[in-house]
Amino acid sequence: MKKTLLRSGTIALATAAAFGASLAAAPSAMAVPGGCTYTRSNRDVIGTCKTGSGQFRIRLDCNNAPDKTSVWAKPKVMVSVHCLVGQPRSISFETK
């Protein structure tokens, strides 16, 4: 019985070691985009993020119109978005 317990423990250790190795080999998580800037001209906004490996988009809180968002993009890509009516009350970046 002691011998069986020892083998079970060895199998459990080997399984844990293999599982741990697979976790260590998993790709690292994406870095959230940073260094985001935009330029505004009346109702048009153009912007980008400079760093990271995730994605970003620009969200506009439009005055007297539905809010607008740009397409999701990777850092170093310029995106644009504009309010259909009026100027944006606020401009923010969303990241993932």
PDB file of N, CA and C in Angstrom:
ATOM      1  N   MET A   1       0.831  -1.190   0.000  1.00  0.00           N
ATOM      2  CA  MET A   1       0.000   0.000   0.000  1.00  0.00           C
ATOM      3  C   MET A   1       0.872   1.249   0.000  1.00  0.00           C
ATOM      4  N   LYS A   2       1.923   1.232   0.764  1.00  0.00           N
ATOM      5  CA  LYS A   2       2.812   2.376   0.808  1.00  0.00           C
ATOM      6  C   LYS A   2       3.438   2.620  -0.566  1.00  0.00           C
ATOM      7  N   LYS A   3       3.780   1.536  -1.256  1.00  0.00           N
ATOM      8  CA  LYS A   3       4.373   1.640  -2.579  1.00  0.00           C
ATOM      9  C   LYS A   3       3.388   2.290  -3.565  1.00  0.00           C
ATOM     10  N   THR A   4       2.126   1.937  -3.517  1.00  0.00           N
ATOM     11  CA  THR A   4       1.095   2.501  -4.389  1.00  0.00           C
ATOM     12  C   THR A   4       0.926   3.994  -4.111  1.00  0.00           C
ATOM     13  N   LEU A   5       0.924   4.355  -2.852  1.00  0.00           N
ATOM     14  CA  LEU A   5       0.793   5.751  -2.467  1.00  0.00           C
ATOM     15  C   LEU A   5       1.963   6.566  -3.002  1.00  0.00           C
ATOM     16  N   LEU A   6       3.136   5.984  -2.952  1.00  0.00           N
ATOM     17  CA  LEU A   6       4.324   6.652  -3.453  1.00  0.00           C
ATOM     18  C   LEU A   6       4.206   6.870  -4.959  1.00  0.00           C
ATOM     19  N   ARG A   7       3.722   5.856  -5.685  1.00  0.00           N
ATOM     20  CA  ARG A   7       3.552   5.990  -7.135  1.00  0.00           C
ATOM     21  C   ARG A   7       2.498   7.052  -7.445  1.00  0.00           C
ATOM     22  N   SER A   8       1.410   7.065  -6.695  1.00  0.00           N
ATOM     23  CA  SER A   8       0.368   8.070  -6.909  1.00  0.00           C
ATOM     24  C   SER A   8       0.924   9.468  -6.689  1.00  0.00           C
ATOM     25  N   GLY A   9       1.726   9.615  -5.665  1.00  0.00           N
ATOM     26  CA  GLY A   9       2.354  10.906  -5.388  1.00  0.00           C
ATOM     27  C   GLY A   9       3.294  11.315  -6.504  1.00  0.00           C
ATOM     28  N   THR A  10       4.040  10.350  -7.041  1.00  0.00           N
ATOM     29  CA  THR A  10       4.955  10.636  -8.138  1.00  0.00           C
ATOM     30  C   THR A  10       4.182  11.050  -9.383  1.00  0.00           C
ATOM     31  N   ILE A  11       3.071  10.361  -9.665  1.00  0.00           N
ATOM     32  CA  ILE A  11       2.243  10.708 -10.821  1.00  0.00           C
ATOM     33  C   ILE A  11       1.649  12.103 -10.635  1.00  0.00           C
ATOM     34  N   ALA A  12       1.193  12.401  -9.429  1.00  0.00           N
ATOM     35  CA  ALA A  12       0.619  13.716  -9.153  1.00  0.00           C
ATOM     36  C   ALA A  12       1.669  14.811  -9.337  1.00  0.00           C
ATOM     37  N   LEU A  13       2.892  14.553  -8.873  1.00  0.00           N
ATOM     38  CA  LEU A  13       3.971  15.524  -9.033  1.00  0.00           C
ATOM     39  C   LEU A  13       4.315  15.720 -10.508  1.00  0.00           C
ATOM     40  N   ALA A  14       4.373  14.641 -11.265  1.00  0.00           N
ATOM     41  CA  ALA A  14       4.688  14.728 -12.688  1.00  0.00           C
ATOM     42  C   ALA A  14       3.597  15.498 -13.431  1.00  0.00           C
ATOM     43  N   THR A  15       2.344  15.237 -13.072  1.00  0.00           N
ATOM     44  CA  THR A  15       1.226  15.944 -13.702  1.00  0.00           C
ATOM     45  C   THR A  15       1.286  17.432 -13.370  1.00  0.00           C
ATOM     46  N   ALA A  16       1.543  17.761 -12.113  1.00  0.00           N
ATOM     47  CA  ALA A  16       1.632  19.159 -11.695  1.00  0.00           C
ATOM     48  C   ALA A  16       2.790  19.856 -12.405  1.00  0.00           C
ATOM     49  N   ALA A  17       3.915  19.166 -12.560  1.00  0.00           N
ATOM     50  CA  ALA A  17       5.070  19.751 -13.238  1.00  0.00           C
ATOM     51  C   ALA A  17       4.753  20.011 -14.710  1.00  0.00           C
ATOM     52  N   ALA A  18       4.088  19.071 -15.357  1.00  0.00           N
ATOM     53  CA  ALA A  18       3.733  19.242 -16.768  1.00  0.00           C
ATOM     54  C   ALA A  18       2.729  20.378 -16.935  1.00  0.00           C
ATOM     55  N   PHE A  19       1.763  20.466 -16.031  1.00  0.00           N
ATOM     56  CA  PHE A  19       0.764  21.527 -16.089  1.00  0.00           C
ATOM     57  C   PHE A  19       1.424  22.888 -15.873  1.00  0.00           C
ATOM     58  N   GLY A  20       2.323  22.955 -14.914  1.00  0.00           N
ATOM     59  CA  GLY A  20       3.047  24.199 -14.636  1.00  0.00           C
ATOM     60  C   GLY A  20       3.879  24.628 -15.827  1.00  0.00           C
ATOM     61  N   ALA A  21       4.502  23.671 -16.511  1.00  0.00           N
ATOM     62  CA  ALA A  21       5.305  23.993 -17.688  1.00  0.00           C
ATOM     63  C   ALA A  21       4.423  24.543 -18.802  1.00  0.00           C
ATOM     64  N   SER A  22       3.215  23.999 -18.945  1.00  0.00           N
ATOM     65  CA  SER A  22       2.328  24.501 -19.994  1.00  0.00           C
ATOM     66  C   SER A  22       1.854  25.915 -19.670  1.00  0.00           C
ATOM     67  N   LEU A  23       1.683  26.225 -18.389  1.00  0.00           N
ATOM     68  CA  LEU A  23       1.303  27.583 -18.010  1.00  0.00           C
ATOM     69  C   LEU A  23       2.439  28.558 -18.283  1.00  0.00           C
ATOM     70  N   ALA A  24       3.661  28.118 -18.021  1.00  0.00           N
ATOM     71  CA  ALA A  24       4.810  28.984 -18.241  1.00  0.00           C
ATOM     72  C   ALA A  24       5.000  29.269 -19.727  1.00  0.00           C
ATOM     73  N   ALA A  25       4.591  28.351 -20.592  1.00  0.00           N
ATOM     74  CA  ALA A  25       4.757  28.521 -22.030  1.00  0.00           C
ATOM     75  C   ALA A  25       3.628  29.337 -22.657  1.00  0.00           C
ATOM     76  N   ALA A  26       2.585  29.635 -21.893  1.00  0.00           N
ATOM     77  CA  ALA A  26       1.453  30.397 -22.429  1.00  0.00           C
ATOM     78  C   ALA A  26       1.908  31.804 -22.799  1.00  0.00           C
ATOM     79  N   PRO A  27       1.348  32.391 -23.873  1.00  0.00           N
ATOM     80  CA  PRO A  27       1.753  33.738 -24.270  1.00  0.00           C
ATOM     81  C   PRO A  27       1.355  34.763 -23.216  1.00  0.00           C
ATOM     82  N   SER A  28       2.140  35.826 -23.126  1.00  0.00           N
ATOM     83  CA  SER A  28       1.852  36.853 -22.129  1.00  0.00           C
ATOM     84  C   SER A  28       0.616  37.648 -22.540  1.00  0.00           C
ATOM     85  N   ALA A  29      -0.008  38.267 -21.560  1.00  0.00           N
ATOM     86  CA  ALA A  29      -1.214  39.060 -21.814  1.00  0.00           C
ATOM     87  C   ALA A  29      -0.853  40.301 -22.626  1.00  0.00           C
ATOM     88  N   MET A  30      -1.825  40.795 -23.380  1.00  0.00           N
ATOM     89  CA  MET A  30      -1.583  41.989 -24.183  1.00  0.00           C
ATOM     90  C   MET A  30      -1.470  43.208 -23.277  1.00  0.00           C
ATOM     91  N   ALA A  31      -0.589  44.116 -23.647  1.00  0.00           N
ATOM     92  CA  ALA A  31      -0.426  45.352 -22.897  1.00  0.00           C
ATOM     93  C   ALA A  31      -1.485  46.351 -23.353  1.00  0.00           C
ATOM     94  N   VAL A  32      -2.097  47.010 -22.416  1.00  0.00           N
ATOM     95  CA  VAL A  32      -3.137  47.998 -22.718  1.00  0.00           C
ATOM     96  C   VAL A  32      -2.492  49.173 -23.462  1.00  0.00           C
ATOM     97  N   PRO A  33      -3.117  49.666 -24.528  1.00  0.00           N
ATOM     98  CA  PRO A  33      -2.566  50.808 -25.252  1.00  0.00           C
ATOM     99  C   PRO A  33      -2.386  52.026 -24.344  1.00  0.00           C
ATOM    100  N   GLY A  34      -1.354  52.805 -24.617  1.00  0.00           N
ATOM    101  CA  GLY A  34      -1.070  53.995 -23.830  1.00  0.00           C
ATOM    102  C   GLY A  34      -0.540  55.110 -24.719  1.00  0.00           C
ATOM    103  N   GLY A  35      -0.286  56.255 -24.129  1.00  0.00           N
ATOM    104  CA  GLY A  35       0.201  57.401 -24.889  1.00  0.00           C
ATOM    105  C   GLY A  35      -0.802  57.865 -25.931  1.00  0.00           C
ATOM    106  N   CYS A  36      -2.085  57.836 -25.570  1.00  0.00           N
ATOM    107  CA  CYS A  36      -3.150  58.160 -26.525  1.00  0.00           C
ATOM    108  C   CYS A  36      -3.356  59.672 -26.613  1.00  0.00           C
ATOM    109  N   THR A  37      -3.448  60.173 -27.839  1.00  0.00           N
ATOM    110  CA  THR A  37      -3.671  61.597 -28.072  1.00  0.00           C
ATOM    111  C   THR A  37      -4.685  61.781 -29.195  1.00  0.00           C
ATOM    112  N   TYR A  38      -5.327  62.937 -29.199  1.00  0.00           N
ATOM    113  CA  TYR A  38      -6.285  63.230 -30.262  1.00  0.00           C
ATOM    114  C   TYR A  38      -6.205  64.700 -30.649  1.00  0.00           C
ATOM    115  N   THR A  39      -6.728  64.998 -31.836  1.00  0.00           N
ATOM    116  CA  THR A  39      -6.873  66.361 -32.331  1.00  0.00           C
ATOM    117  C   THR A  39      -8.341  66.557 -32.679  1.00  0.00           C
ATOM    118  N   ARG A  40      -8.874  67.692 -32.263  1.00  0.00           N
ATOM    119  CA  ARG A  40     -10.298  67.968 -32.495  1.00  0.00           C
ATOM    120  C   ARG A  40     -10.446  69.182 -33.404  1.00  0.00           C
ATOM    121  N   SER A  41     -11.339  69.062 -34.368  1.00  0.00           N
ATOM    122  CA  SER A  41     -11.672  70.176 -35.251  1.00  0.00           C
ATOM    123  C   SER A  41     -13.188  70.189 -35.404  1.00  0.00           C
ATOM    124  N   ASN A  42     -13.837  71.097 -34.690  1.00  0.00           N
ATOM    125  CA  ASN A  42     -15.302  71.165 -34.637  1.00  0.00           C
ATOM    126  C   ASN A  42     -15.888  69.824 -34.193  1.00  0.00           C
ATOM    127  N   ARG A  43     -16.585  69.105 -35.074  1.00  0.00           N
ATOM    128  CA  ARG A  43     -17.185  67.833 -34.647  1.00  0.00           C
ATOM    129  C   ARG A  43     -16.340  66.627 -35.011  1.00  0.00           C
ATOM    130  N   ASP A  44     -15.196  66.831 -35.677  1.00  0.00           N
ATOM    131  CA  ASP A  44     -14.312  65.734 -36.079  1.00  0.00           C
ATOM    132  C   ASP A  44     -13.190  65.525 -35.068  1.00  0.00           C
ATOM    133  N   VAL A  45     -12.891  64.256 -34.778  1.00  0.00           N
ATOM    134  CA  VAL A  45     -11.790  63.913 -33.877  1.00  0.00           C
ATOM    135  C   VAL A  45     -10.937  62.846 -34.548  1.00  0.00           C
ATOM    136  N   ILE A  46      -9.622  63.066 -34.553  1.00  0.00           N
ATOM    137  CA  ILE A  46      -8.656  62.101 -35.081  1.00  0.00           C
ATOM    138  C   ILE A  46      -7.689  61.795 -33.951  1.00  0.00           C
ATOM    139  N   GLY A  47      -7.374  60.506 -33.743  1.00  0.00           N
ATOM    140  CA  GLY A  47      -6.467  60.160 -32.659  1.00  0.00           C
ATOM    141  C   GLY A  47      -5.770  58.833 -32.856  1.00  0.00           C
ATOM    142  N   THR A  48      -4.804  58.576 -31.974  1.00  0.00           N
ATOM    143  CA  THR A  48      -4.056  57.326 -31.980  1.00  0.00           C
ATOM    144  C   THR A  48      -3.485  57.065 -30.594  1.00  0.00           C
ATOM    145  N   CYS A  49      -3.026  55.854 -30.381  1.00  0.00           N
ATOM    146  CA  CYS A  49      -2.272  55.495 -29.180  1.00  0.00           C
ATOM    147  C   CYS A  49      -0.887  55.060 -29.648  1.00  0.00           C
ATOM    148  N   LYS A  50       0.151  55.361 -28.876  1.00  0.00           N
ATOM    149  CA  LYS A  50       1.522  55.115 -29.312  1.00  0.00           C
ATOM    150  C   LYS A  50       2.105  53.799 -28.832  1.00  0.00           C
ATOM    151  N   THR A  51       1.653  53.300 -27.686  1.00  0.00           N
ATOM    152  CA  THR A  51       2.284  52.107 -27.110  1.00  0.00           C
ATOM    153  C   THR A  51       1.254  51.025 -26.818  1.00  0.00           C
ATOM    154  N   GLY A  52       1.753  49.827 -26.497  1.00  0.00           N
ATOM    155  CA  GLY A  52       0.893  48.709 -26.126  1.00  0.00           C
ATOM    156  C   GLY A  52       0.655  47.771 -27.291  1.00  0.00           C
ATOM    157  N   SER A  53      -0.047  46.681 -27.002  1.00  0.00           N
ATOM    158  CA  SER A  53      -0.322  45.689 -28.046  1.00  0.00           C
ATOM    159  C   SER A  53      -1.799  45.305 -28.091  1.00  0.00           C
ATOM    160  N   GLY A  54      -2.611  45.974 -27.297  1.00  0.00           N
ATOM    161  CA  GLY A  54      -4.047  45.693 -27.319  1.00  0.00           C
ATOM    162  C   GLY A  54      -4.724  46.517 -28.404  1.00  0.00           C
ATOM    163  N   GLN A  55      -5.961  46.939 -28.145  1.00  0.00           N
ATOM    164  CA  GLN A  55      -6.702  47.764 -29.093  1.00  0.00           C
ATOM    165  C   GLN A  55      -7.320  48.957 -28.375  1.00  0.00           C
ATOM    166  N   PHE A  56      -7.639  49.992 -29.139  1.00  0.00           N
ATOM    167  CA  PHE A  56      -8.275  51.188 -28.588  1.00  0.00           C
ATOM    168  C   PHE A  56      -9.332  51.688 -29.569  1.00  0.00           C
ATOM    169  N   ARG A  57     -10.221  52.526 -29.060  1.00  0.00           N
ATOM    170  CA  ARG A  57     -11.140  53.274 -29.914  1.00  0.00           C
ATOM    171  C   ARG A  57     -11.465  54.584 -29.212  1.00  0.00           C
ATOM    172  N   ILE A  58     -11.952  55.540 -29.982  1.00  0.00           N
ATOM    173  CA  ILE A  58     -12.312  56.848 -29.439  1.00  0.00           C
ATOM    174  C   ILE A  58     -13.827  56.899 -29.275  1.00  0.00           C
ATOM    175  N   ARG A  59     -14.269  57.389 -28.125  1.00  0.00           N
ATOM    176  CA  ARG A  59     -15.704  57.555 -27.859  1.00  0.00           C
ATOM    177  C   ARG A  59     -15.999  59.045 -27.703  1.00  0.00           C
ATOM    178  N   LEU A  60     -17.037  59.487 -28.406  1.00  0.00           N
ATOM    179  CA  LEU A  60     -17.484  60.874 -28.310  1.00  0.00           C
ATOM    180  C   LEU A  60     -18.842  60.930 -27.628  1.00  0.00           C
ATOM    181  N   ASP A  61     -18.960  61.810 -26.647  1.00  0.00           N
ATOM    182  CA  ASP A  61     -20.254  62.116 -26.038  1.00  0.00           C
ATOM    183  C   ASP A  61     -20.781  63.321 -26.816  1.00  0.00           C
ATOM    184  N   CYS A  62     -21.639  63.056 -27.790  1.00  0.00           N
ATOM    185  CA  CYS A  62     -22.104  64.103 -28.706  1.00  0.00           C
ATOM    186  C   CYS A  62     -23.258  64.905 -28.106  1.00  0.00           C
ATOM    187  N   ASN A  63     -23.216  66.202 -28.323  1.00  0.00           N
ATOM    188  CA  ASN A  63     -24.249  67.111 -27.855  1.00  0.00           C
ATOM    189  C   ASN A  63     -25.443  67.043 -28.811  1.00  0.00           C
ATOM    190  N   ASN A  64     -26.635  66.763 -28.292  1.00  0.00           N
ATOM    191  CA  ASN A  64     -27.873  66.687 -29.084  1.00  0.00           C
ATOM    192  C   ASN A  64     -27.866  65.592 -30.151  1.00  0.00           C
ATOM    193  N   ALA A  65     -27.104  64.527 -29.941  1.00  0.00           N
ATOM    194  CA  ALA A  65     -27.045  63.412 -30.903  1.00  0.00           C
ATOM    195  C   ALA A  65     -26.550  62.165 -30.169  1.00  0.00           C
ATOM    196  N   PRO A  66     -26.774  60.984 -30.741  1.00  0.00           N
ATOM    197  CA  PRO A  66     -26.262  59.759 -30.112  1.00  0.00           C
ATOM    198  C   PRO A  66     -24.733  59.772 -30.028  1.00  0.00           C
ATOM    199  N   ASP A  67     -24.203  59.134 -28.992  1.00  0.00           N
ATOM    200  CA  ASP A  67     -22.754  59.018 -28.851  1.00  0.00           C
ATOM    201  C   ASP A  67     -22.185  58.233 -30.026  1.00  0.00           C
ATOM    202  N   LYS A  68     -20.948  58.521 -30.378  1.00  0.00           N
ATOM    203  CA  LYS A  68     -20.291  57.851 -31.500  1.00  0.00           C
ATOM    204  C   LYS A  68     -18.972  57.240 -31.029  1.00  0.00           C
ATOM    205  N   THR A  69     -18.600  56.114 -31.637  1.00  0.00           N
ATOM    206  CA  THR A  69     -17.300  55.496 -31.369  1.00  0.00           C
ATOM    207  C   THR A  69     -16.621  55.183 -32.694  1.00  0.00           C
ATOM    208  N   SER A  70     -15.298  55.236 -32.668  1.00  0.00           N
ATOM    209  CA  SER A  70     -14.526  54.861 -33.852  1.00  0.00           C
ATOM    210  C   SER A  70     -14.426  53.339 -33.909  1.00  0.00           C
ATOM    211  N   VAL A  71     -13.789  52.838 -34.933  1.00  0.00           N
ATOM    212  CA  VAL A  71     -13.519  51.402 -35.022  1.00  0.00           C
ATOM    213  C   VAL A  71     -12.420  51.056 -34.023  1.00  0.00           C
ATOM    214  N   TRP A  72     -12.337  49.779 -33.617  1.00  0.00           N
ATOM    215  CA  TRP A  72     -11.234  49.316 -32.778  1.00  0.00           C
ATOM    216  C   TRP A  72      -9.978  49.297 -33.638  1.00  0.00           C
ATOM    217  N   ALA A  73      -8.860  49.758 -33.100  1.00  0.00           N
ATOM    218  CA  ALA A  73      -7.604  49.801 -33.854  1.00  0.00           C
ATOM    219  C   ALA A  73      -6.434  49.446 -32.950  1.00  0.00           C
ATOM    220  N   LYS A  74      -5.331  49.072 -33.563  1.00  0.00           N
ATOM    221  CA  LYS A  74      -4.097  48.782 -32.826  1.00  0.00           C
ATOM    222  C   LYS A  74      -3.307  50.076 -32.670  1.00  0.00           C
ATOM    223  N   PRO A  75      -2.435  50.142 -31.655  1.00  0.00           N
ATOM    224  CA  PRO A  75      -1.603  51.334 -31.485  1.00  0.00           C
ATOM    225  C   PRO A  75      -0.835  51.678 -32.766  1.00  0.00           C
ATOM    226  N   LYS A  76      -0.560  52.952 -32.940  1.00  0.00           N
ATOM    227  CA  LYS A  76       0.145  53.531 -34.090  1.00  0.00           C
ATOM    228  C   LYS A  76      -0.735  53.630 -35.334  1.00  0.00           C
ATOM    229  N   VAL A  77      -2.027  53.316 -35.206  1.00  0.00           N
ATOM    230  CA  VAL A  77      -2.979  53.484 -36.308  1.00  0.00           C
ATOM    231  C   VAL A  77      -3.858  54.687 -35.973  1.00  0.00           C
ATOM    232  N   MET A  78      -4.042  55.579 -36.940  1.00  0.00           N
ATOM    233  CA  MET A  78      -4.901  56.752 -36.744  1.00  0.00           C
ATOM    234  C   MET A  78      -6.354  56.364 -37.002  1.00  0.00           C
ATOM    235  N   VAL A  79      -7.254  56.807 -36.131  1.00  0.00           N
ATOM    236  CA  VAL A  79      -8.689  56.584 -36.328  1.00  0.00           C
ATOM    237  C   VAL A  79      -9.400  57.931 -36.268  1.00  0.00           C
ATOM    238  N   SER A  80     -10.559  57.992 -36.891  1.00  0.00           N
ATOM    239  CA  SER A  80     -11.334  59.235 -36.854  1.00  0.00           C
ATOM    240  C   SER A  80     -12.793  58.915 -36.570  1.00  0.00           C
ATOM    241  N   VAL A  81     -13.468  59.881 -35.989  1.00  0.00           N
ATOM    242  CA  VAL A  81     -14.887  59.751 -35.665  1.00  0.00           C
ATOM    243  C   VAL A  81     -15.451  61.167 -35.550  1.00  0.00           C
ATOM    244  N   HIS A  82     -16.738  61.322 -35.827  1.00  0.00           N
ATOM    245  CA  HIS A  82     -17.331  62.654 -35.694  1.00  0.00           C
ATOM    246  C   HIS A  82     -18.782  62.552 -35.236  1.00  0.00           C
ATOM    247  N   CYS A  83     -19.226  63.602 -34.576  1.00  0.00           N
ATOM    248  CA  CYS A  83     -20.619  63.698 -34.152  1.00  0.00           C
ATOM    249  C   CYS A  83     -21.462  64.085 -35.362  1.00  0.00           C
ATOM    250  N   LEU A  84     -22.640  63.493 -35.468  1.00  0.00           N
ATOM    251  CA  LEU A  84     -23.520  63.807 -36.590  1.00  0.00           C
ATOM    252  C   LEU A  84     -24.078  65.222 -36.485  1.00  0.00           C
ATOM    253  N   VAL A  85     -24.372  65.646 -35.256  1.00  0.00           N
ATOM    254  CA  VAL A  85     -24.925  66.979 -35.015  1.00  0.00           C
ATOM    255  C   VAL A  85     -24.186  67.578 -33.827  1.00  0.00           C
ATOM    256  N   GLY A  86     -23.824  68.825 -33.908  1.00  0.00           N
ATOM    257  CA  GLY A  86     -23.180  69.491 -32.785  1.00  0.00           C
ATOM    258  C   GLY A  86     -21.760  69.009 -32.547  1.00  0.00           C
ATOM    259  N   GLN A  87     -21.180  69.526 -31.484  1.00  0.00           N
ATOM    260  CA  GLN A  87     -19.804  69.188 -31.135  1.00  0.00           C
ATOM    261  C   GLN A  87     -19.775  68.213 -29.970  1.00  0.00           C
ATOM    262  N   PRO A  88     -18.686  67.440 -29.833  1.00  0.00           N
ATOM    263  CA  PRO A  88     -18.593  66.516 -28.703  1.00  0.00           C
ATOM    264  C   PRO A  88     -18.466  67.263 -27.372  1.00  0.00           C
ATOM    265  N   ARG A  89     -19.240  66.797 -26.375  1.00  0.00           N
ATOM    266  CA  ARG A  89     -19.117  67.353 -25.019  1.00  0.00           C
ATOM    267  C   ARG A  89     -17.880  66.808 -24.338  1.00  0.00           C
ATOM    268  N   SER A  90     -17.580  65.518 -24.618  1.00  0.00           N
ATOM    269  CA  SER A  90     -16.372  64.916 -24.050  1.00  0.00           C
ATOM    270  C   SER A  90     -15.820  63.882 -25.029  1.00  0.00           C
ATOM    271  N   ILE A  91     -14.516  63.644 -24.912  1.00  0.00           N
ATOM    272  CA  ILE A  91     -13.801  62.703 -25.774  1.00  0.00           C
ATOM    273  C   ILE A  91     -13.012  61.780 -24.863  1.00  0.00           C
ATOM    274  N   SER A  92     -13.146  60.468 -25.078  1.00  0.00           N
ATOM    275  CA  SER A  92     -12.398  59.518 -24.251  1.00  0.00           C
ATOM    276  C   SER A  92     -11.900  58.358 -25.104  1.00  0.00           C
ATOM    277  N   PHE A  93     -10.902  57.659 -24.580  1.00  0.00           N
ATOM    278  CA  PHE A  93     -10.365  56.464 -25.221  1.00  0.00           C
ATOM    279  C   PHE A  93     -10.835  55.242 -24.448  1.00  0.00           C
ATOM    280  N   GLU A  94     -11.254  54.212 -25.162  1.00  0.00           N
ATOM    281  CA  GLU A  94     -11.569  52.910 -24.564  1.00  0.00           C
ATOM    282  C   GLU A  94     -10.498  51.939 -25.033  1.00  0.00           C
ATOM    283  N   THR A  95     -10.055  51.068 -24.135  1.00  0.00           N
ATOM    284  CA  THR A  95      -8.995  50.120 -24.485  1.00  0.00           C
ATOM    285  C   THR A  95      -9.400  48.705 -24.128  1.00  0.00           C
ATOM    286  N   LYS A  96      -8.801  47.757 -24.830  1.00  0.00           N
ATOM    287  CA  LYS A  96      -8.999  46.344 -24.501  1.00  0.00           C
ATOM    288  C   LYS A  96      -7.791  45.551 -24.916  1.00  0.00           C
TER     289      LYS A  96
END
